[in-house]
Amino acid sequence: MSWMAWTLPTALFFGGIAVLLAGMTLVELRWPCVERKGFLPITTTRGDRLFIGLLGSAYLHLLVIGVTDWSVWIASLLSLLWLCAVMRWG
């Protein structure tokens, strides 16, 4: 994989997603999910909220990188807050 430009933020981001997916699998096996409705306009499961949160995080990163001169770490922090909000109240 030397052809890819793996920087520390990129590796941490994708490593975090891998850990999140493994954790969600273990949680789902231990406590099966029940669909619920939060602030999102649809009924969602934990997996749905994780997908929506990750998708929103990707768009948030693109927005911060494309529109501001902020560090990618700020985008990562904002994405983490977005993901936590979607997982908790979405």
N, C-alpha and C. Protein backbone atom coordinates (compact mmCIF):
# COMPACT_ATOMS: atom_id res chain seq x y z
N MET A 1 0.82 -1.19 0.00
CA MET A 1 0.00 0.00 0.00
C MET A 1 0.86 1.25 0.00
N SER A 2 2.07 1.13 -0.46
CA SER A 2 2.96 2.29 -0.48
C SER A 2 2.55 3.32 -1.53
N TRP A 3 1.68 2.96 -2.47
CA TRP A 3 1.23 3.90 -3.49
C TRP A 3 0.27 4.93 -2.93
N MET A 4 -0.28 4.68 -1.75
CA MET A 4 -1.23 5.63 -1.15
C MET A 4 -0.47 6.61 -0.27
N ALA A 5 -0.95 7.81 -0.19
CA ALA A 5 -0.33 8.84 0.64
C ALA A 5 -0.97 8.79 2.03
N TRP A 6 -0.56 7.82 2.84
CA TRP A 6 -1.13 7.67 4.18
C TRP A 6 -0.46 8.65 5.13
N THR A 7 -1.21 9.63 5.54
CA THR A 7 -0.73 10.54 6.57
C THR A 7 -1.32 10.07 7.90
N LEU A 8 -0.82 10.60 8.99
CA LEU A 8 -1.31 10.20 10.29
C LEU A 8 -2.81 10.49 10.46
N PRO A 9 -3.31 11.66 10.09
CA PRO A 9 -4.75 11.88 10.21
C PRO A 9 -5.59 10.90 9.38
N THR A 10 -5.12 10.58 8.17
CA THR A 10 -5.85 9.64 7.33
C THR A 10 -5.87 8.25 7.95
N ALA A 11 -4.73 7.80 8.42
CA ALA A 11 -4.66 6.49 9.05
C ALA A 11 -5.52 6.43 10.32
N LEU A 12 -5.49 7.47 11.12
CA LEU A 12 -6.31 7.49 12.33
C LEU A 12 -7.80 7.51 12.00
N PHE A 13 -8.18 8.24 10.97
CA PHE A 13 -9.57 8.32 10.57
C PHE A 13 -10.09 6.94 10.14
N PHE A 14 -9.38 6.28 9.23
CA PHE A 14 -9.84 4.99 8.76
C PHE A 14 -9.68 3.89 9.81
N GLY A 15 -8.65 4.01 10.64
CA GLY A 15 -8.51 3.07 11.77
C GLY A 15 -9.66 3.23 12.75
N GLY A 16 -10.07 4.47 12.99
CA GLY A 16 -11.20 4.73 13.88
C GLY A 16 -12.50 4.15 13.32
N ILE A 17 -12.69 4.24 12.02
CA ILE A 17 -13.88 3.67 11.40
C ILE A 17 -13.87 2.15 11.54
N ALA A 18 -12.71 1.52 11.35
CA ALA A 18 -12.61 0.07 11.50
C ALA A 18 -12.94 -0.36 12.93
N VAL A 19 -12.41 0.36 13.92
CA VAL A 19 -12.71 0.06 15.32
C VAL A 19 -14.19 0.28 15.62
N LEU A 20 -14.76 1.32 15.05
CA LEU A 20 -16.19 1.61 15.23
C LEU A 20 -17.05 0.49 14.67
N LEU A 21 -16.73 0.01 13.48
CA LEU A 21 -17.49 -1.08 12.88
C LEU A 21 -17.37 -2.37 13.68
N ALA A 22 -16.18 -2.68 14.16
CA ALA A 22 -16.00 -3.88 14.99
C ALA A 22 -16.78 -3.75 16.30
N GLY A 23 -16.72 -2.57 16.91
CA GLY A 23 -17.47 -2.34 18.14
C GLY A 23 -18.97 -2.43 17.93
N MET A 24 -19.45 -1.86 16.83
CA MET A 24 -20.89 -1.93 16.54
C MET A 24 -21.34 -3.38 16.31
N THR A 25 -20.49 -4.19 15.70
CA THR A 25 -20.82 -5.60 15.50
C THR A 25 -20.95 -6.31 16.83
N LEU A 26 -20.01 -6.07 17.73
CA LEU A 26 -20.07 -6.70 19.06
C LEU A 26 -21.29 -6.24 19.85
N VAL A 27 -21.59 -4.95 19.81
CA VAL A 27 -22.75 -4.42 20.52
C VAL A 27 -24.04 -5.01 19.94
N GLU A 28 -24.11 -5.12 18.63
CA GLU A 28 -25.31 -5.68 17.98
C GLU A 28 -25.51 -7.15 18.34
N LEU A 29 -24.41 -7.88 18.46
CA LEU A 29 -24.52 -9.29 18.86
C LEU A 29 -24.97 -9.43 20.31
N ARG A 30 -24.51 -8.52 21.15
CA ARG A 30 -24.84 -8.59 22.58
C ARG A 30 -26.24 -8.05 22.87
N TRP A 31 -26.57 -6.89 22.30
CA TRP A 31 -27.87 -6.24 22.51
C TRP A 31 -28.49 -5.93 21.15
N PRO A 32 -29.33 -6.82 20.62
CA PRO A 32 -29.95 -6.54 19.31
C PRO A 32 -30.70 -5.21 19.31
N CYS A 33 -30.66 -4.56 18.18
CA CYS A 33 -31.19 -3.20 18.04
C CYS A 33 -32.70 -3.19 17.80
N VAL A 34 -33.34 -2.15 18.29
CA VAL A 34 -34.75 -1.88 18.02
C VAL A 34 -34.81 -0.55 17.28
N GLU A 35 -35.59 -0.51 16.19
CA GLU A 35 -35.69 0.74 15.43
C GLU A 35 -36.35 1.82 16.29
N ARG A 36 -35.88 3.06 16.10
CA ARG A 36 -36.48 4.19 16.82
C ARG A 36 -36.41 5.44 15.96
N LYS A 37 -37.17 6.44 16.37
CA LYS A 37 -37.20 7.71 15.63
C LYS A 37 -36.69 8.82 16.54
N GLY A 38 -35.70 9.54 16.05
CA GLY A 38 -35.15 10.67 16.78
C GLY A 38 -35.34 11.94 15.96
N PHE A 39 -34.30 12.79 15.91
CA PHE A 39 -34.42 14.03 15.14
C PHE A 39 -34.32 13.81 13.64
N LEU A 40 -33.82 12.63 13.22
CA LEU A 40 -33.81 12.32 11.79
C LEU A 40 -35.24 12.04 11.34
N PRO A 41 -35.58 12.38 10.11
CA PRO A 41 -36.97 12.24 9.68
C PRO A 41 -37.38 10.81 9.32
N ILE A 42 -36.57 9.82 9.69
CA ILE A 42 -36.87 8.43 9.40
C ILE A 42 -36.65 7.57 10.64
N THR A 43 -37.24 6.40 10.66
CA THR A 43 -36.98 5.44 11.72
C THR A 43 -35.66 4.75 11.40
N THR A 44 -34.76 4.68 12.38
CA THR A 44 -33.42 4.16 12.12
C THR A 44 -33.00 3.13 13.16
N THR A 45 -32.06 2.28 12.75
CA THR A 45 -31.38 1.36 13.66
C THR A 45 -30.02 1.97 14.01
N ARG A 46 -29.29 1.31 14.89
CA ARG A 46 -27.94 1.79 15.22
C ARG A 46 -27.06 1.83 13.98
N GLY A 47 -27.15 0.80 13.15
CA GLY A 47 -26.34 0.75 11.93
C GLY A 47 -26.69 1.86 10.96
N ASP A 48 -27.99 2.17 10.85
CA ASP A 48 -28.42 3.28 9.99
C ASP A 48 -27.83 4.59 10.49
N ARG A 49 -27.90 4.81 11.79
CA ARG A 49 -27.38 6.05 12.37
C ARG A 49 -25.87 6.14 12.21
N LEU A 50 -25.17 5.00 12.32
CA LEU A 50 -23.73 5.00 12.11
C LEU A 50 -23.41 5.39 10.67
N PHE A 51 -24.12 4.80 9.71
CA PHE A 51 -23.90 5.12 8.30
C PHE A 51 -24.17 6.59 8.02
N ILE A 52 -25.29 7.11 8.52
CA ILE A 52 -25.64 8.52 8.31
C ILE A 52 -24.59 9.42 8.97
N GLY A 53 -24.15 9.05 10.15
CA GLY A 53 -23.12 9.83 10.84
C GLY A 53 -21.79 9.84 10.10
N LEU A 54 -21.39 8.69 9.56
CA LEU A 54 -20.13 8.62 8.81
C LEU A 54 -20.24 9.38 7.49
N LEU A 55 -21.38 9.28 6.83
CA LEU A 55 -21.58 10.02 5.59
C LEU A 55 -21.55 11.52 5.85
N GLY A 56 -22.23 11.96 6.91
CA GLY A 56 -22.19 13.37 7.28
C GLY A 56 -20.79 13.82 7.65
N SER A 57 -20.03 12.95 8.29
CA SER A 57 -18.65 13.28 8.65
C SER A 57 -17.79 13.48 7.41
N ALA A 58 -18.00 12.64 6.40
CA ALA A 58 -17.24 12.80 5.15
C ALA A 58 -17.54 14.14 4.50
N TYR A 59 -18.82 14.49 4.45
CA TYR A 59 -19.19 15.79 3.86
C TYR A 59 -18.66 16.94 4.71
N LEU A 60 -18.67 16.79 6.01
CA LEU A 60 -18.14 17.83 6.89
C LEU A 60 -16.65 18.03 6.67
N HIS A 61 -15.91 16.94 6.51
CA HIS A 61 -14.49 17.05 6.20
C HIS A 61 -14.26 17.79 4.88
N LEU A 62 -15.02 17.40 3.86
CA LEU A 62 -14.88 18.07 2.57
C LEU A 62 -15.20 19.56 2.67
N LEU A 63 -16.22 19.90 3.43
CA LEU A 63 -16.60 21.30 3.60
C LEU A 63 -15.50 22.08 4.30
N VAL A 64 -14.97 21.55 5.38
CA VAL A 64 -13.93 22.26 6.13
C VAL A 64 -12.66 22.40 5.30
N ILE A 65 -12.27 21.34 4.62
CA ILE A 65 -11.04 21.39 3.81
C ILE A 65 -11.21 22.32 2.60
N GLY A 66 -12.40 22.29 1.99
CA GLY A 66 -12.61 23.08 0.78
C GLY A 66 -12.92 24.54 1.01
N VAL A 67 -13.52 24.88 2.14
CA VAL A 67 -14.01 26.25 2.33
C VAL A 67 -13.17 27.04 3.33
N THR A 68 -12.54 26.36 4.27
CA THR A 68 -11.78 27.07 5.30
C THR A 68 -10.30 26.72 5.21
N ASP A 69 -9.51 27.39 6.00
CA ASP A 69 -8.10 27.04 6.11
C ASP A 69 -7.80 26.38 7.46
N TRP A 70 -8.84 25.80 8.07
CA TRP A 70 -8.69 25.12 9.35
C TRP A 70 -7.91 23.82 9.17
N SER A 71 -7.39 23.34 10.28
CA SER A 71 -6.68 22.07 10.29
C SER A 71 -7.66 20.92 10.11
N VAL A 72 -7.16 19.82 9.59
CA VAL A 72 -8.01 18.63 9.44
C VAL A 72 -8.42 18.08 10.81
N TRP A 73 -7.65 18.42 11.84
CA TRP A 73 -8.00 17.97 13.20
C TRP A 73 -9.28 18.64 13.67
N ILE A 74 -9.51 19.87 13.28
CA ILE A 74 -10.76 20.55 13.63
C ILE A 74 -11.93 19.87 12.93
N ALA A 75 -11.73 19.52 11.66
CA ALA A 75 -12.77 18.80 10.93
C ALA A 75 -13.05 17.45 11.59
N SER A 76 -12.03 16.79 12.06
CA SER A 76 -12.21 15.51 12.74
C SER A 76 -12.97 15.67 14.05
N LEU A 77 -12.67 16.72 14.79
CA LEU A 77 -13.38 16.97 16.04
C LEU A 77 -14.86 17.28 15.77
N LEU A 78 -15.13 18.12 14.78
CA LEU A 78 -16.51 18.42 14.42
C LEU A 78 -17.25 17.16 13.95
N SER A 79 -16.56 16.32 13.21
CA SER A 79 -17.16 15.08 12.73
C SER A 79 -17.47 14.13 13.88
N LEU A 80 -16.59 14.08 14.85
CA LEU A 80 -16.83 13.24 16.02
C LEU A 80 -18.04 13.73 16.80
N LEU A 81 -18.16 15.03 16.96
CA LEU A 81 -19.34 15.60 17.64
C LEU A 81 -20.62 15.30 16.86
N TRP A 82 -20.57 15.43 15.53
CA TRP A 82 -21.73 15.12 14.68
C TRP A 82 -22.11 13.65 14.83
N LEU A 83 -21.11 12.76 14.77
CA LEU A 83 -21.39 11.34 14.88
C LEU A 83 -22.00 11.00 16.23
N CYS A 84 -21.47 11.57 17.29
CA CYS A 84 -22.04 11.32 18.63
C CYS A 84 -23.47 11.81 18.72
N ALA A 85 -23.76 12.98 18.16
CA ALA A 85 -25.12 13.51 18.20
C ALA A 85 -26.09 12.63 17.41
N VAL A 86 -25.67 12.16 16.24
CA VAL A 86 -26.54 11.30 15.43
C VAL A 86 -26.76 9.96 16.12
N MET A 87 -25.71 9.40 16.70
CA MET A 87 -25.86 8.10 17.37
C MET A 87 -26.74 8.21 18.61
N ARG A 88 -26.67 9.32 19.31
CA ARG A 88 -27.43 9.47 20.56
C ARG A 88 -28.88 9.92 20.31
N TRP A 89 -29.03 10.96 19.51
CA TRP A 89 -30.38 11.56 19.37
C TRP A 89 -30.99 11.38 17.98
N GLY A 90 -30.25 10.78 17.04
CA GLY A 90 -30.75 10.63 15.67
C GLY A 90 -31.77 9.58 15.57
